[in-house]
Amino acid sequence: MQIFIRDSYAEISALAASHFVEILSGNQHPLVCVASGDSPSGLYKQLVALKNAGKLNVQDWNFIGLDEWLGMNGNDEGSCRYHLDQQFFNPMQIDKGKIRFFDGRATDLQGECDVVEDTIKNKGGVDLAILGLGLNGHIGMNEPGTDIHSRAHIAQLEEETVKVGQKYFTTAKELTGGLTMGIASIMDSRNVFLIVNGTKKAGIVKRLLEEPVSAALPASILRNHPGARIYLDREAASQLANI
């Protein structure tokens, strides 16, 4: 695990973009796991700028979604797929056939999870997983206490996650759960980027890096991943000792 701290969110986003290109540029057909949310959005903006400048070509790459709210898919404003379409897939002009995303409206939800796992296997594994960090330490929708051996599954959400999730919608939504890649699925990725910014995340960052590794704090398990990189702006790192 490596930790990178920079003064601003823009700086950590630019650094993550540089590492993204460095890691994947030699791979003709990588599989990239993408997360929605505020934290990775700066990275996506940087990648779109590189693409528009002719410095990044991802037309032969494959992408898989990290998670999705139950009862939603890309047709629902505020869904994980909706935000990624706006921030990344559409600006990057990625062929829809290169994207595999959970459909929270599917009649067979377990089947959706199985297809995601099959996609990962058939593509030779995830080359890079991009993550944000929940205020309770979740990664994806793997809430505290999730089995560390879990694969893609139907997740129950904690009250805090439901409350924070409202920010993605223009009107209040009843968020009953989600579909998510499991902790083991994430840990099997060859590389993992965890991007965290803002003072509001400082407390959970301190816990993530200083408390014992435990399923009670899912993100802490990334400390056991040799290819994990954690990107923090100065605000998110403000409670850490010796920075």
Protein backbone atom coordinates (compact mmCIF):
# COMPACT_ATOMS: atom_id res chain seq x y z
CA MET A 1 0.00 0.00 0.00
CA GLN A 2 1.18 3.49 -0.85
CA ILE A 3 -0.18 6.78 0.49
CA PHE A 4 -0.02 10.03 -1.47
CA ILE A 5 -0.87 13.35 0.20
CA ARG A 6 -1.13 16.59 -1.69
CA ASP A 7 -2.36 20.05 -0.74
CA SER A 8 -5.52 20.08 -2.86
CA TYR A 9 -8.14 17.82 -4.39
CA ALA A 10 -7.07 18.98 -7.84
CA GLU A 11 -3.53 17.82 -7.14
CA ILE A 12 -4.50 14.35 -5.95
CA SER A 13 -6.85 13.97 -8.93
CA ALA A 14 -4.06 14.90 -11.34
CA LEU A 15 -1.63 12.54 -9.61
CA ALA A 16 -4.11 9.67 -9.70
CA ALA A 17 -4.70 10.33 -13.42
CA SER A 18 -0.95 10.21 -14.05
CA HIS A 19 -0.67 6.89 -12.22
CA PHE A 20 -3.77 5.57 -14.02
CA VAL A 21 -2.12 6.13 -17.40
CA GLU A 22 1.23 4.81 -16.18
CA ILE A 23 -0.27 1.55 -14.91
CA LEU A 24 -2.62 0.81 -17.80
CA SER A 25 -0.99 2.31 -20.89
CA GLY A 26 0.85 -0.93 -21.72
CA ASN A 27 -2.29 -3.05 -21.46
CA GLN A 28 -4.26 -3.26 -24.70
CA HIS A 29 -7.49 -4.54 -23.15
CA PRO A 30 -7.57 -3.73 -19.43
CA LEU A 31 -10.63 -4.18 -17.24
CA VAL A 32 -11.24 -1.11 -15.08
CA CYS A 33 -13.71 -0.99 -12.20
CA VAL A 34 -15.23 2.47 -11.80
CA ALA A 35 -17.02 3.98 -8.81
CA SER A 36 -19.49 6.83 -8.89
CA GLY A 37 -19.53 9.58 -6.27
CA ASP A 38 -17.85 12.89 -5.60
CA SER A 39 -14.37 11.61 -4.73
CA PRO A 40 -13.43 10.00 -8.08
CA SER A 41 -15.03 12.76 -10.17
CA GLY A 42 -11.83 14.81 -10.30
CA LEU A 43 -9.91 11.83 -11.64
CA TYR A 44 -12.52 11.33 -14.35
CA LYS A 45 -12.29 15.01 -15.29
CA GLN A 46 -8.54 14.65 -15.69
CA LEU A 47 -8.91 11.53 -17.83
CA VAL A 48 -11.48 13.21 -20.07
CA ALA A 49 -9.04 16.11 -20.56
CA LEU A 50 -6.28 13.67 -21.54
CA LYS A 51 -8.61 11.96 -24.00
CA ASN A 52 -9.67 15.27 -25.55
CA ALA A 53 -6.00 16.24 -25.91
CA GLY A 54 -5.30 13.02 -27.79
CA LYS A 55 -3.14 11.63 -24.98
CA LEU A 56 -5.39 8.75 -23.90
CA ASN A 57 -7.23 6.19 -26.01
CA VAL A 58 -9.53 3.77 -24.17
CA GLN A 59 -11.64 2.52 -27.08
CA ASP A 60 -10.48 -1.08 -26.60
CA TRP A 61 -10.71 -1.03 -22.81
CA ASN A 62 -13.43 -2.70 -20.75
CA PHE A 63 -15.21 -1.21 -17.76
CA ILE A 64 -17.23 -2.64 -14.91
CA GLY A 65 -19.32 -0.77 -12.37
CA LEU A 66 -18.56 -1.02 -8.68
CA ASP A 67 -22.14 -0.81 -7.41
CA GLU A 68 -25.70 0.37 -7.98
CA TRP A 69 -28.74 1.22 -5.87
CA LEU A 70 -31.51 -1.38 -5.74
CA GLY A 71 -34.38 -0.50 -8.06
CA MET A 72 -32.26 1.74 -10.27
CA ASN A 73 -30.23 1.66 -13.44
CA GLY A 74 -28.85 4.18 -15.91
CA ASN A 75 -32.34 5.39 -16.79
CA ASP A 76 -32.77 6.77 -13.27
CA GLU A 77 -31.41 10.23 -12.56
CA GLY A 78 -29.12 9.98 -9.56
CA SER A 79 -28.22 6.32 -10.03
CA CYS A 80 -24.59 5.27 -9.98
CA ARG A 81 -24.70 4.49 -13.70
CA TYR A 82 -26.36 7.83 -14.44
CA HIS A 83 -23.57 9.76 -12.75
CA LEU A 84 -20.84 7.73 -14.42
CA ASP A 85 -22.48 8.26 -17.80
CA GLN A 86 -22.39 12.00 -17.17
CA GLN A 87 -18.90 12.19 -15.68
CA PHE A 88 -17.02 9.51 -17.58
CA PHE A 89 -18.59 7.07 -20.03
CA ASN A 90 -20.23 9.63 -22.33
CA PRO A 91 -17.40 12.22 -22.34
CA MET A 92 -14.90 9.42 -22.99
CA GLN A 93 -17.13 8.09 -25.81
CA ILE A 94 -16.91 4.56 -24.47
CA ASP A 95 -18.85 1.96 -26.46
CA LYS A 96 -21.73 0.63 -24.34
CA GLY A 97 -20.69 -2.88 -25.30
CA LYS A 98 -17.47 -2.31 -23.33
CA ILE A 99 -19.38 -1.57 -20.11
CA ARG A 100 -20.84 -4.10 -17.68
CA PHE A 101 -22.89 -2.48 -14.93
CA PHE A 102 -25.25 -3.78 -12.26
CA ASP A 103 -28.91 -3.32 -13.16
CA GLY A 104 -30.73 -2.64 -9.91
CA ARG A 105 -34.05 -3.05 -11.74
CA ALA A 106 -33.31 -6.62 -12.84
CA THR A 107 -35.82 -9.29 -11.91
CA ASP A 108 -33.00 -11.66 -11.00
CA LEU A 109 -30.72 -9.68 -8.72
CA GLN A 110 -28.52 -12.61 -7.79
CA GLY A 111 -28.16 -13.29 -11.50
CA GLU A 112 -26.86 -9.74 -11.92
CA CYS A 113 -24.23 -10.44 -9.29
CA ASP A 114 -23.26 -13.69 -10.99
CA VAL A 115 -22.88 -11.99 -14.36
CA VAL A 116 -20.56 -9.38 -12.86
CA GLU A 117 -18.36 -12.06 -11.33
CA ASP A 118 -18.39 -14.02 -14.61
CA THR A 119 -17.37 -10.86 -16.49
CA ILE A 120 -14.42 -10.32 -14.17
CA LYS A 121 -13.32 -13.94 -14.64
CA ASN A 122 -13.78 -13.93 -18.41
CA LYS A 123 -11.82 -10.69 -18.81
CA GLY A 124 -8.90 -12.05 -16.80
CA GLY A 125 -9.53 -10.05 -13.64
CA VAL A 126 -9.77 -6.37 -12.77
CA ASP A 127 -6.60 -4.46 -13.63
CA LEU A 128 -7.54 -1.34 -11.68
CA ALA A 129 -10.39 -0.60 -9.26
CA ILE A 130 -11.25 3.01 -8.46
CA LEU A 131 -12.91 3.56 -5.08
CA GLY A 132 -14.22 6.27 -2.82
CA LEU A 133 -14.52 6.01 0.96
CA GLY A 134 -17.75 6.06 2.93
CA LEU A 135 -18.03 7.98 6.17
CA ASN A 136 -18.48 4.66 7.99
CA GLY A 137 -15.54 3.07 6.19
CA HIS A 138 -17.44 1.27 3.47
CA ILE A 139 -15.99 0.62 0.03
CA GLY A 140 -18.54 0.04 -2.68
CA MET A 141 -21.66 -0.86 -0.74
CA ASN A 142 -19.74 -3.20 1.55
CA GLU A 143 -20.90 -1.89 4.90
CA PRO A 144 -19.13 -2.52 8.23
CA GLY A 145 -19.31 -6.21 9.11
CA THR A 146 -19.42 -7.45 5.50
CA ASP A 147 -17.65 -10.78 5.06
CA ILE A 148 -14.14 -10.11 3.78
CA HIS A 149 -14.51 -13.14 1.49
CA SER A 150 -17.64 -11.73 -0.16
CA ARG A 151 -18.12 -11.59 -3.91
CA ALA A 152 -20.70 -9.54 -5.80
CA HIS A 153 -23.85 -9.53 -3.70
CA ILE A 154 -27.05 -7.80 -2.65
CA ALA A 155 -26.17 -5.37 0.13
CA GLN A 156 -28.16 -3.95 2.98
CA LEU A 157 -27.35 -0.33 3.76
CA GLU A 158 -26.70 1.39 7.05
CA GLU A 159 -28.78 4.42 7.95
CA GLU A 160 -25.80 6.75 7.50
CA THR A 161 -25.24 5.52 3.93
CA VAL A 162 -28.92 6.04 3.10
CA LYS A 163 -28.77 9.57 4.51
CA VAL A 164 -25.57 10.54 2.68
CA GLY A 165 -26.86 8.96 -0.52
CA GLN A 166 -29.66 11.51 -0.76
CA LYS A 167 -27.19 14.10 -2.07
CA TYR A 168 -27.16 12.38 -5.45
CA PHE A 169 -30.88 12.97 -6.03
CA THR A 170 -32.92 16.11 -6.64
CA THR A 171 -35.80 14.69 -4.57
CA ALA A 172 -35.75 12.34 -1.57
CA LYS A 173 -35.39 8.66 -2.46
CA GLU A 174 -36.08 5.52 -0.49
CA LEU A 175 -32.78 3.67 -0.71
CA THR A 176 -33.39 0.09 0.33
CA GLY A 177 -30.12 -1.56 -0.62
CA GLY A 178 -27.68 -2.07 -3.42
CA LEU A 179 -25.77 -4.42 -5.65
CA THR A 180 -22.04 -4.30 -5.15
CA MET A 181 -18.78 -6.00 -5.89
CA GLY A 182 -17.65 -7.80 -2.76
CA ILE A 183 -14.57 -7.18 -0.67
CA ALA A 184 -12.80 -10.24 -2.07
CA SER A 185 -13.65 -9.10 -5.60
CA ILE A 186 -12.05 -5.73 -4.90
CA MET A 187 -9.02 -7.25 -3.20
CA ASP A 188 -8.43 -9.51 -6.22
CA SER A 189 -7.93 -6.42 -8.39
CA ARG A 190 -4.32 -5.98 -9.44
CA ASN A 191 -4.35 -2.30 -8.53
CA VAL A 192 -6.68 -0.24 -6.35
CA PHE A 193 -7.01 3.56 -6.13
CA LEU A 194 -8.79 4.93 -3.04
CA ILE A 195 -9.42 8.65 -3.49
CA VAL A 196 -10.47 10.68 -0.44
CA ASN A 197 -10.88 14.41 -0.02
CA GLY A 198 -12.28 16.95 2.39
CA THR A 199 -12.31 17.60 6.12
CA LYS A 200 -15.48 15.55 6.58
CA LYS A 201 -13.48 12.42 5.73
CA ALA A 202 -10.55 13.17 8.06
CA GLY A 203 -11.93 11.12 10.95
CA ILE A 204 -12.56 7.98 8.90
CA VAL A 205 -9.17 8.33 7.19
CA LYS A 206 -7.48 8.35 10.60
CA ARG A 207 -9.40 5.21 11.57
CA LEU A 208 -8.66 3.57 8.23
CA LEU A 209 -4.92 3.97 8.63
CA GLU A 210 -4.48 3.68 12.41
CA GLU A 211 -7.02 1.15 13.68
CA PRO A 212 -6.49 -2.61 13.36
CA VAL A 213 -7.47 -4.13 10.02
CA SER A 214 -10.98 -5.47 10.48
CA ALA A 215 -14.23 -6.27 8.67
CA ALA A 216 -15.76 -3.70 11.03
CA LEU A 217 -13.94 -1.10 8.91
CA PRO A 218 -13.99 -2.55 5.37
CA ALA A 219 -11.63 -0.01 3.81
CA SER A 220 -8.92 -0.98 6.31
CA ILE A 221 -8.56 -4.29 4.48
CA LEU A 222 -6.94 -2.38 1.62
CA ARG A 223 -3.87 -2.04 3.84
CA ASN A 224 -3.20 -5.70 3.03
CA HIS A 225 -3.27 -5.04 -0.73
CA PRO A 226 0.22 -4.61 -2.25
CA GLY A 227 -1.17 -2.67 -5.22
CA ALA A 228 -3.36 -0.24 -3.26
CA ARG A 229 -2.72 3.49 -3.56
CA ILE A 230 -4.50 5.94 -1.27
CA TYR A 231 -4.79 9.55 -2.44
CA LEU A 232 -5.54 12.17 0.21
CA ASP A 233 -5.80 15.91 0.03
CA ARG A 234 -4.44 17.86 2.99
CA GLU A 235 -7.89 18.22 4.56
CA ALA A 236 -8.63 14.48 4.47
CA ALA A 237 -5.19 13.79 5.99
CA SER A 238 -5.51 16.50 8.66
CA GLN A 239 -6.02 14.13 11.61
CA LEU A 240 -3.11 11.84 10.77
CA ALA A 241 0.01 11.97 12.89
CA ASN A 242 3.38 12.76 11.31
CA ILE A 243 2.19 14.21 8.01
